[in-house]
ModelCIF file with pLDDT and N, C-alpha, C, O atoms, coordinates in Angstrom:
data_MODEL
#
_entry.id   MODEL 
#
_entity.id                         1 
_entity.type                       polymer 
_entity.pdbx_number_of_molecules   1 
#
_entity_poly.entity_id                      1 
_entity_poly.type                           'polypeptide(L)' 
_entity_poly.nstd_linkage                   no 
_entity_poly.nstd_monomer                   no 
_entity_poly.pdbx_seq_one_letter_code       PSNLVKALVPQLEKEGSVTRAWLGVGIQDLTRDL 
_entity_poly.pdbx_seq_one_letter_code_can   PSNLVKALVPQLEKEGSVTRAWLGVGIQDLTRDL 
_entity_poly.pdbx_strand_id                 A 
#
loop_
_entity_poly_seq.entity_id 
_entity_poly_seq.num 
_entity_poly_seq.mon_id 
_entity_poly_seq.hetero 
1 1  PRO n 
1 2  SER n 
1 3  ASN n 
1 4  LEU n 
1 5  VAL n 
1 6  LYS n 
1 7  ALA n 
1 8  LEU n 
1 9  VAL n 
1 10 PRO n 
1 11 GLN n 
1 12 LEU n 
1 13 GLU n 
1 14 LYS n 
1 15 GLU n 
1 16 GLY n 
1 17 SER n 
1 18 VAL n 
1 19 THR n 
1 20 ARG n 
1 21 ALA n 
1 22 TRP n 
1 23 LEU n 
1 24 GLY n 
1 25 VAL n 
1 26 GLY n 
1 27 ILE n 
1 28 GLN n 
1 29 ASP n 
1 30 LEU n 
1 31 THR n 
1 32 ARG n 
1 33 ASP n 
1 34 LEU n 
#
_struct_asym.id          A 
_struct_asym.entity_id   1 
#
loop_
_ma_qa_metric.id 
_ma_qa_metric.mode 
_ma_qa_metric.name 
_ma_qa_metric.software_group_id 
_ma_qa_metric.type 
1 global pLDDT . pLDDT 
2 local  pLDDT . pLDDT 
#
_ma_qa_metric_global.metric_id      1 
_ma_qa_metric_global.metric_value   91.74 
_ma_qa_metric_global.model_id       1 
_ma_qa_metric_global.ordinal_id     1 
#
loop_
_ma_qa_metric_local.label_asym_id 
_ma_qa_metric_local.label_comp_id 
_ma_qa_metric_local.label_seq_id 
_ma_qa_metric_local.metric_id 
_ma_qa_metric_local.metric_value 
_ma_qa_metric_local.model_id 
_ma_qa_metric_local.ordinal_id 
A PRO 1  2 95.00 1 1  
A SER 2  2 95.00 1 2  
A ASN 3  2 94.00 1 3  
A LEU 4  2 93.00 1 4  
A VAL 5  2 95.00 1 5  
A LYS 6  2 93.00 1 6  
A ALA 7  2 90.00 1 7  
A LEU 8  2 92.00 1 8  
A VAL 9  2 94.00 1 9  
A PRO 10 2 93.00 1 10 
A GLN 11 2 91.00 1 11 
A LEU 12 2 93.00 1 12 
A GLU 13 2 92.00 1 13 
A LYS 14 2 90.00 1 14 
A GLU 15 2 87.00 1 15 
A GLY 16 2 88.00 1 16 
A SER 17 2 86.00 1 17 
A VAL 18 2 88.00 1 18 
A THR 19 2 87.00 1 19 
A ARG 20 2 89.00 1 20 
A ALA 21 2 91.00 1 21 
A TRP 22 2 89.00 1 22 
A LEU 23 2 93.00 1 23 
A GLY 24 2 91.00 1 24 
A VAL 25 2 92.00 1 25 
A GLY 26 2 91.00 1 26 
A ILE 27 2 92.00 1 27 
A GLN 28 2 94.00 1 28 
A ASP 29 2 93.00 1 29 
A LEU 30 2 94.00 1 30 
A THR 31 2 93.00 1 31 
A ARG 32 2 93.00 1 32 
A ASP 33 2 94.00 1 33 
A LEU 34 2 94.00 1 34 
#
loop_
_atom_site.group_PDB 
_atom_site.id 
_atom_site.type_symbol 
_atom_site.label_atom_id 
_atom_site.label_alt_id 
_atom_site.label_comp_id 
_atom_site.label_asym_id 
_atom_site.label_entity_id 
_atom_site.label_seq_id 
_atom_site.pdbx_PDB_ins_code 
_atom_site.Cartn_x 
_atom_site.Cartn_y 
_atom_site.Cartn_z 
_atom_site.occupancy 
_atom_site.B_iso_or_equiv 
_atom_site.pdbx_formal_charge 
_atom_site.auth_seq_id 
_atom_site.auth_comp_id 
_atom_site.auth_asym_id 
_atom_site.auth_atom_id 
_atom_site.pdbx_PDB_model_num 
ATOM 1   N N  . PRO A 1 1  ? -26.683 99.410  -29.306 1.00 95.00 ? 1  PRO A N  1 
ATOM 2   C CA . PRO A 1 1  ? -25.866 98.980  -28.164 1.00 95.00 ? 1  PRO A CA 1 
ATOM 3   C C  . PRO A 1 1  ? -26.703 98.378  -27.036 1.00 95.00 ? 1  PRO A C  1 
ATOM 4   O O  . PRO A 1 1  ? -27.825 98.814  -26.779 1.00 95.00 ? 1  PRO A O  1 
ATOM 5   N N  . SER A 1 2  ? -26.146 97.386  -26.378 1.00 95.00 ? 2  SER A N  1 
ATOM 6   C CA . SER A 1 2  ? -26.886 96.644  -25.353 1.00 95.00 ? 2  SER A CA 1 
ATOM 7   C C  . SER A 1 2  ? -27.269 97.506  -24.164 1.00 95.00 ? 2  SER A C  1 
ATOM 8   O O  . SER A 1 2  ? -28.321 97.275  -23.568 1.00 95.00 ? 2  SER A O  1 
ATOM 9   N N  . ASN A 1 3  ? -26.463 98.484  -23.797 1.00 94.00 ? 3  ASN A N  1 
ATOM 10  C CA . ASN A 1 3  ? -26.814 99.311  -22.645 1.00 94.00 ? 3  ASN A CA 1 
ATOM 11  C C  . ASN A 1 3  ? -28.074 100.126 -22.898 1.00 94.00 ? 3  ASN A C  1 
ATOM 12  O O  . ASN A 1 3  ? -28.860 100.353 -21.978 1.00 94.00 ? 3  ASN A O  1 
ATOM 13  N N  . LEU A 1 4  ? -28.272 100.565 -24.128 1.00 93.00 ? 4  LEU A N  1 
ATOM 14  C CA . LEU A 1 4  ? -29.516 101.243 -24.473 1.00 93.00 ? 4  LEU A CA 1 
ATOM 15  C C  . LEU A 1 4  ? -30.681 100.266 -24.402 1.00 93.00 ? 4  LEU A C  1 
ATOM 16  O O  . LEU A 1 4  ? -31.751 100.608 -23.899 1.00 93.00 ? 4  LEU A O  1 
ATOM 17  N N  . VAL A 1 5  ? -30.476 99.057  -24.901 1.00 95.00 ? 5  VAL A N  1 
ATOM 18  C CA . VAL A 1 5  ? -31.524 98.037  -24.872 1.00 95.00 ? 5  VAL A CA 1 
ATOM 19  C C  . VAL A 1 5  ? -31.906 97.708  -23.437 1.00 95.00 ? 5  VAL A C  1 
ATOM 20  O O  . VAL A 1 5  ? -33.090 97.591  -23.121 1.00 95.00 ? 5  VAL A O  1 
ATOM 21  N N  . LYS A 1 6  ? -30.909 97.556  -22.566 1.00 93.00 ? 6  LYS A N  1 
ATOM 22  C CA . LYS A 1 6  ? -31.181 97.220  -21.157 1.00 93.00 ? 6  LYS A CA 1 
ATOM 23  C C  . LYS A 1 6  ? -32.057 98.268  -20.493 1.00 93.00 ? 6  LYS A C  1 
ATOM 24  O O  . LYS A 1 6  ? -32.886 97.942  -19.643 1.00 93.00 ? 6  LYS A O  1 
ATOM 25  N N  . ALA A 1 7  ? -31.877 99.527  -20.877 1.00 90.00 ? 7  ALA A N  1 
ATOM 26  C CA . ALA A 1 7  ? -32.673 100.602 -20.289 1.00 90.00 ? 7  ALA A CA 1 
ATOM 27  C C  . ALA A 1 7  ? -34.126 100.555 -20.753 1.00 90.00 ? 7  ALA A C  1 
ATOM 28  O O  . ALA A 1 7  ? -35.011 101.081 -20.078 1.00 90.00 ? 7  ALA A O  1 
ATOM 29  N N  . LEU A 1 8  ? -34.375 99.925  -21.908 1.00 92.00 ? 8  LEU A N  1 
ATOM 30  C CA . LEU A 1 8  ? -35.722 99.899  -22.466 1.00 92.00 ? 8  LEU A CA 1 
ATOM 31  C C  . LEU A 1 8  ? -36.515 98.650  -22.108 1.00 92.00 ? 8  LEU A C  1 
ATOM 32  O O  . LEU A 1 8  ? -37.742 98.711  -22.017 1.00 92.00 ? 8  LEU A O  1 
ATOM 33  N N  . VAL A 1 9  ? -35.845 97.520  -21.904 1.00 94.00 ? 9  VAL A N  1 
ATOM 34  C CA . VAL A 1 9  ? -36.526 96.237  -21.730 1.00 94.00 ? 9  VAL A CA 1 
ATOM 35  C C  . VAL A 1 9  ? -37.567 96.254  -20.604 1.00 94.00 ? 9  VAL A C  1 
ATOM 36  O O  . VAL A 1 9  ? -38.679 95.777  -20.830 1.00 94.00 ? 9  VAL A O  1 
ATOM 37  N N  . PRO A 1 10 ? -37.274 96.774  -19.408 1.00 93.00 ? 10 PRO A N  1 
ATOM 38  C CA . PRO A 1 10 ? -38.301 96.762  -18.353 1.00 93.00 ? 10 PRO A CA 1 
ATOM 39  C C  . PRO A 1 10 ? -39.593 97.462  -18.761 1.00 93.00 ? 10 PRO A C  1 
ATOM 40  O O  . PRO A 1 10 ? -40.682 96.963  -18.479 1.00 93.00 ? 10 PRO A O  1 
ATOM 41  N N  . GLN A 1 11 ? -39.484 98.621  -19.426 1.00 91.00 ? 11 GLN A N  1 
ATOM 42  C CA . GLN A 1 11 ? -40.689 99.326  -19.869 1.00 91.00 ? 11 GLN A CA 1 
ATOM 43  C C  . GLN A 1 11 ? -41.421 98.567  -20.960 1.00 91.00 ? 11 GLN A C  1 
ATOM 44  O O  . GLN A 1 11 ? -42.649 98.482  -20.944 1.00 91.00 ? 11 GLN A O  1 
ATOM 45  N N  . LEU A 1 12 ? -40.673 98.015  -21.910 1.00 93.00 ? 12 LEU A N  1 
ATOM 46  C CA . LEU A 1 12 ? -41.308 97.267  -22.990 1.00 93.00 ? 12 LEU A CA 1 
ATOM 47  C C  . LEU A 1 12 ? -42.059 96.057  -22.445 1.00 93.00 ? 12 LEU A C  1 
ATOM 48  O O  . LEU A 1 12 ? -43.154 95.737  -22.907 1.00 93.00 ? 12 LEU A O  1 
ATOM 49  N N  . GLU A 1 13 ? -41.469 95.393  -21.470 1.00 92.00 ? 13 GLU A N  1 
ATOM 50  C CA . GLU A 1 13 ? -42.091 94.195  -20.902 1.00 92.00 ? 13 GLU A CA 1 
ATOM 51  C C  . GLU A 1 13 ? -43.327 94.540  -20.073 1.00 92.00 ? 13 GLU A C  1 
ATOM 52  O O  . GLU A 1 13 ? -44.304 93.791  -20.071 1.00 92.00 ? 13 GLU A O  1 
ATOM 53  N N  . LYS A 1 14 ? -43.286 95.659  -19.380 1.00 90.00 ? 14 LYS A N  1 
ATOM 54  C CA . LYS A 1 14 ? -44.384 96.032  -18.486 1.00 90.00 ? 14 LYS A CA 1 
ATOM 55  C C  . LYS A 1 14 ? -45.454 96.862  -19.179 1.00 90.00 ? 14 LYS A C  1 
ATOM 56  O O  . LYS A 1 14 ? -46.646 96.632  -18.974 1.00 90.00 ? 14 LYS A O  1 
ATOM 57  N N  . GLU A 1 15 ? -45.038 97.830  -20.000 1.00 87.00 ? 15 GLU A N  1 
ATOM 58  C CA . GLU A 1 15 ? -45.976 98.782  -20.578 1.00 87.00 ? 15 GLU A CA 1 
ATOM 59  C C  . GLU A 1 15 ? -46.244 98.561  -22.066 1.00 87.00 ? 15 GLU A C  1 
ATOM 60  O O  . GLU A 1 15 ? -47.272 99.004  -22.578 1.00 87.00 ? 15 GLU A O  1 
ATOM 61  N N  . GLY A 1 16 ? -45.337 97.884  -22.764 1.00 88.00 ? 16 GLY A N  1 
ATOM 62  C CA . GLY A 1 16 ? -45.516 97.669  -24.185 1.00 88.00 ? 16 GLY A CA 1 
ATOM 63  C C  . GLY A 1 16 ? -44.958 98.773  -25.060 1.00 88.00 ? 16 GLY A C  1 
ATOM 64  O O  . GLY A 1 16 ? -44.901 98.630  -26.281 1.00 88.00 ? 16 GLY A O  1 
ATOM 65  N N  . SER A 1 17 ? -44.543 99.877  -24.445 1.00 86.00 ? 17 SER A N  1 
ATOM 66  C CA . SER A 1 17 ? -43.949 100.990 -25.177 1.00 86.00 ? 17 SER A CA 1 
ATOM 67  C C  . SER A 1 17 ? -43.008 101.715 -24.225 1.00 86.00 ? 17 SER A C  1 
ATOM 68  O O  . SER A 1 17 ? -42.907 101.362 -23.050 1.00 86.00 ? 17 SER A O  1 
ATOM 69  N N  . VAL A 1 18 ? -42.324 102.727 -24.737 1.00 88.00 ? 18 VAL A N  1 
ATOM 70  C CA . VAL A 1 18 ? -41.335 103.449 -23.938 1.00 88.00 ? 18 VAL A CA 1 
ATOM 71  C C  . VAL A 1 18 ? -41.814 104.885 -23.705 1.00 88.00 ? 18 VAL A C  1 
ATOM 72  O O  . VAL A 1 18 ? -42.184 105.588 -24.646 1.00 88.00 ? 18 VAL A O  1 
ATOM 73  N N  . THR A 1 19 ? -41.800 105.303 -22.450 1.00 87.00 ? 19 THR A N  1 
ATOM 74  C CA . THR A 1 19 ? -42.119 106.682 -22.088 1.00 87.00 ? 19 THR A CA 1 
ATOM 75  C C  . THR A 1 19 ? -40.819 107.395 -21.765 1.00 87.00 ? 19 THR A C  1 
ATOM 76  O O  . THR A 1 19 ? -40.042 106.935 -20.929 1.00 87.00 ? 19 THR A O  1 
ATOM 77  N N  . ARG A 1 20 ? -40.585 108.517 -22.426 1.00 89.00 ? 20 ARG A N  1 
ATOM 78  C CA . ARG A 1 20 ? -39.316 109.227 -22.284 1.00 89.00 ? 20 ARG A CA 1 
ATOM 79  C C  . ARG A 1 20 ? -39.526 110.599 -21.653 1.00 89.00 ? 20 ARG A C  1 
ATOM 80  O O  . ARG A 1 20 ? -40.581 111.218 -21.792 1.00 89.00 ? 20 ARG A O  1 
ATOM 81  N N  . ALA A 1 21 ? -38.494 111.051 -20.961 1.00 91.00 ? 21 ALA A N  1 
ATOM 82  C CA . ALA A 1 21 ? -38.508 112.417 -20.445 1.00 91.00 ? 21 ALA A CA 1 
ATOM 83  C C  . ALA A 1 21 ? -38.284 113.396 -21.597 1.00 91.00 ? 21 ALA A C  1 
ATOM 84  O O  . ALA A 1 21 ? -37.828 113.020 -22.677 1.00 91.00 ? 21 ALA A O  1 
ATOM 85  N N  . TRP A 1 22 ? -38.618 114.665 -21.335 1.00 89.00 ? 22 TRP A N  1 
ATOM 86  C CA . TRP A 1 22 ? -38.662 115.644 -22.437 1.00 89.00 ? 22 TRP A CA 1 
ATOM 87  C C  . TRP A 1 22 ? -38.414 117.040 -21.890 1.00 89.00 ? 22 TRP A C  1 
ATOM 88  O O  . TRP A 1 22 ? -38.893 117.397 -20.814 1.00 89.00 ? 22 TRP A O  1 
ATOM 89  N N  . LEU A 1 23 ? -37.659 117.821 -22.650 1.00 93.00 ? 23 LEU A N  1 
ATOM 90  C CA . LEU A 1 23 ? -37.402 119.218 -22.284 1.00 93.00 ? 23 LEU A CA 1 
ATOM 91  C C  . LEU A 1 23 ? -38.183 120.197 -23.156 1.00 93.00 ? 23 LEU A C  1 
ATOM 92  O O  . LEU A 1 23 ? -38.604 121.251 -22.679 1.00 93.00 ? 23 LEU A O  1 
ATOM 93  N N  . GLY A 1 24 ? -38.375 119.864 -24.406 1.00 91.00 ? 24 GLY A N  1 
ATOM 94  C CA . GLY A 1 24 ? -39.063 120.771 -25.310 1.00 91.00 ? 24 GLY A CA 1 
ATOM 95  C C  . GLY A 1 24 ? -38.150 121.839 -25.883 1.00 91.00 ? 24 GLY A C  1 
ATOM 96  O O  . GLY A 1 24 ? -38.466 123.027 -25.830 1.00 91.00 ? 24 GLY A O  1 
ATOM 97  N N  . VAL A 1 25 ? -37.010 121.413 -26.433 1.00 92.00 ? 25 VAL A N  1 
ATOM 98  C CA . VAL A 1 25 ? -36.039 122.361 -26.981 1.00 92.00 ? 25 VAL A CA 1 
ATOM 99  C C  . VAL A 1 25 ? -35.547 121.877 -28.343 1.00 92.00 ? 25 VAL A C  1 
ATOM 100 O O  . VAL A 1 25 ? -35.636 120.691 -28.661 1.00 92.00 ? 25 VAL A O  1 
ATOM 101 N N  . GLY A 1 26 ? -35.033 122.800 -29.134 1.00 91.00 ? 26 GLY A N  1 
ATOM 102 C CA . GLY A 1 26 ? -34.257 122.458 -30.308 1.00 91.00 ? 26 GLY A CA 1 
ATOM 103 C C  . GLY A 1 26 ? -32.790 122.567 -29.950 1.00 91.00 ? 26 GLY A C  1 
ATOM 104 O O  . GLY A 1 26 ? -32.412 123.433 -29.160 1.00 91.00 ? 26 GLY A O  1 
ATOM 105 N N  . ILE A 1 27 ? -31.951 121.704 -30.517 1.00 92.00 ? 27 ILE A N  1 
ATOM 106 C CA . ILE A 1 27 ? -30.541 121.694 -30.128 1.00 92.00 ? 27 ILE A CA 1 
ATOM 107 C C  . ILE A 1 27 ? -29.641 121.530 -31.336 1.00 92.00 ? 27 ILE A C  1 
ATOM 108 O O  . ILE A 1 27 ? -30.082 121.079 -32.393 1.00 92.00 ? 27 ILE A O  1 
ATOM 109 N N  . GLN A 1 28 ? -28.383 121.895 -31.178 1.00 94.00 ? 28 GLN A N  1 
ATOM 110 C CA . GLN A 1 28 ? -27.336 121.583 -32.141 1.00 94.00 ? 28 GLN A CA 1 
ATOM 111 C C  . GLN A 1 28 ? -26.019 121.462 -31.384 1.00 94.00 ? 28 GLN A C  1 
ATOM 112 O O  . GLN A 1 28 ? -25.904 121.910 -30.243 1.00 94.00 ? 28 GLN A O  1 
ATOM 113 N N  . ASP A 1 29 ? -25.029 120.856 -32.027 1.00 93.00 ? 29 ASP A N  1 
ATOM 114 C CA . ASP A 1 29 ? -23.729 120.674 -31.392 1.00 93.00 ? 29 ASP A CA 1 
ATOM 115 C C  . ASP A 1 29 ? -22.998 122.009 -31.257 1.00 93.00 ? 29 ASP A C  1 
ATOM 116 O O  . ASP A 1 29 ? -23.083 122.880 -32.123 1.00 93.00 ? 29 ASP A O  1 
ATOM 117 N N  . LEU A 1 30 ? -22.288 122.137 -30.159 1.00 94.00 ? 30 LEU A N  1 
ATOM 118 C CA . LEU A 1 30 ? -21.371 123.271 -30.006 1.00 94.00 ? 30 LEU A CA 1 
ATOM 119 C C  . LEU A 1 30 ? -20.060 122.915 -30.702 1.00 94.00 ? 30 LEU A C  1 
ATOM 120 O O  . LEU A 1 30 ? -19.453 121.889 -30.397 1.00 94.00 ? 30 LEU A O  1 
ATOM 121 N N  . THR A 1 31 ? -19.623 123.760 -31.634 1.00 93.00 ? 31 THR A N  1 
ATOM 122 C CA . THR A 1 31 ? -18.347 123.564 -32.321 1.00 93.00 ? 31 THR A CA 1 
ATOM 123 C C  . THR A 1 31 ? -17.346 124.599 -31.824 1.00 93.00 ? 31 THR A C  1 
ATOM 124 O O  . THR A 1 31 ? -17.711 125.530 -31.105 1.00 93.00 ? 31 THR A O  1 
ATOM 125 N N  . ARG A 1 32 ? -16.087 124.433 -32.208 1.00 93.00 ? 32 ARG A N  1 
ATOM 126 C CA . ARG A 1 32 ? -15.063 125.402 -31.803 1.00 93.00 ? 32 ARG A CA 1 
ATOM 127 C C  . ARG A 1 32 ? -15.351 126.786 -32.375 1.00 93.00 ? 32 ARG A C  1 
ATOM 128 O O  . ARG A 1 32 ? -15.165 127.800 -31.701 1.00 93.00 ? 32 ARG A O  1 
ATOM 129 N N  . ASP A 1 33 ? -15.803 126.815 -33.618 1.00 94.00 ? 33 ASP A N  1 
ATOM 130 C CA . ASP A 1 33 ? -16.110 128.105 -34.227 1.00 94.00 ? 33 ASP A CA 1 
ATOM 131 C C  . ASP A 1 33 ? -17.266 128.792 -33.507 1.00 94.00 ? 33 ASP A C  1 
ATOM 132 O O  . ASP A 1 33 ? -17.218 129.991 -33.233 1.00 94.00 ? 33 ASP A O  1 
ATOM 133 N N  . LEU A 1 34 ? -18.312 128.007 -33.202 1.00 94.00 ? 34 LEU A N  1 
ATOM 134 C CA . LEU A 1 34 ? -19.450 128.596 -32.495 1.00 94.00 ? 34 LEU A CA 1 
ATOM 135 C C  . LEU A 1 34 ? -19.061 129.008 -31.072 1.00 94.00 ? 34 LEU A C  1 
ATOM 136 O O  . LEU A 1 34 ? -19.896 129.523 -30.329 1.00 94.00 ? 34 LEU A O  1 
#
């Protein structure tokens, strides 16, 4: 999707790669049963 691309283009153009924020967790979806 283009909105994801738009968020990356400035970093790619300036830095050559993407630096992302991080929490350091494992995750799964919450379901109705859970």
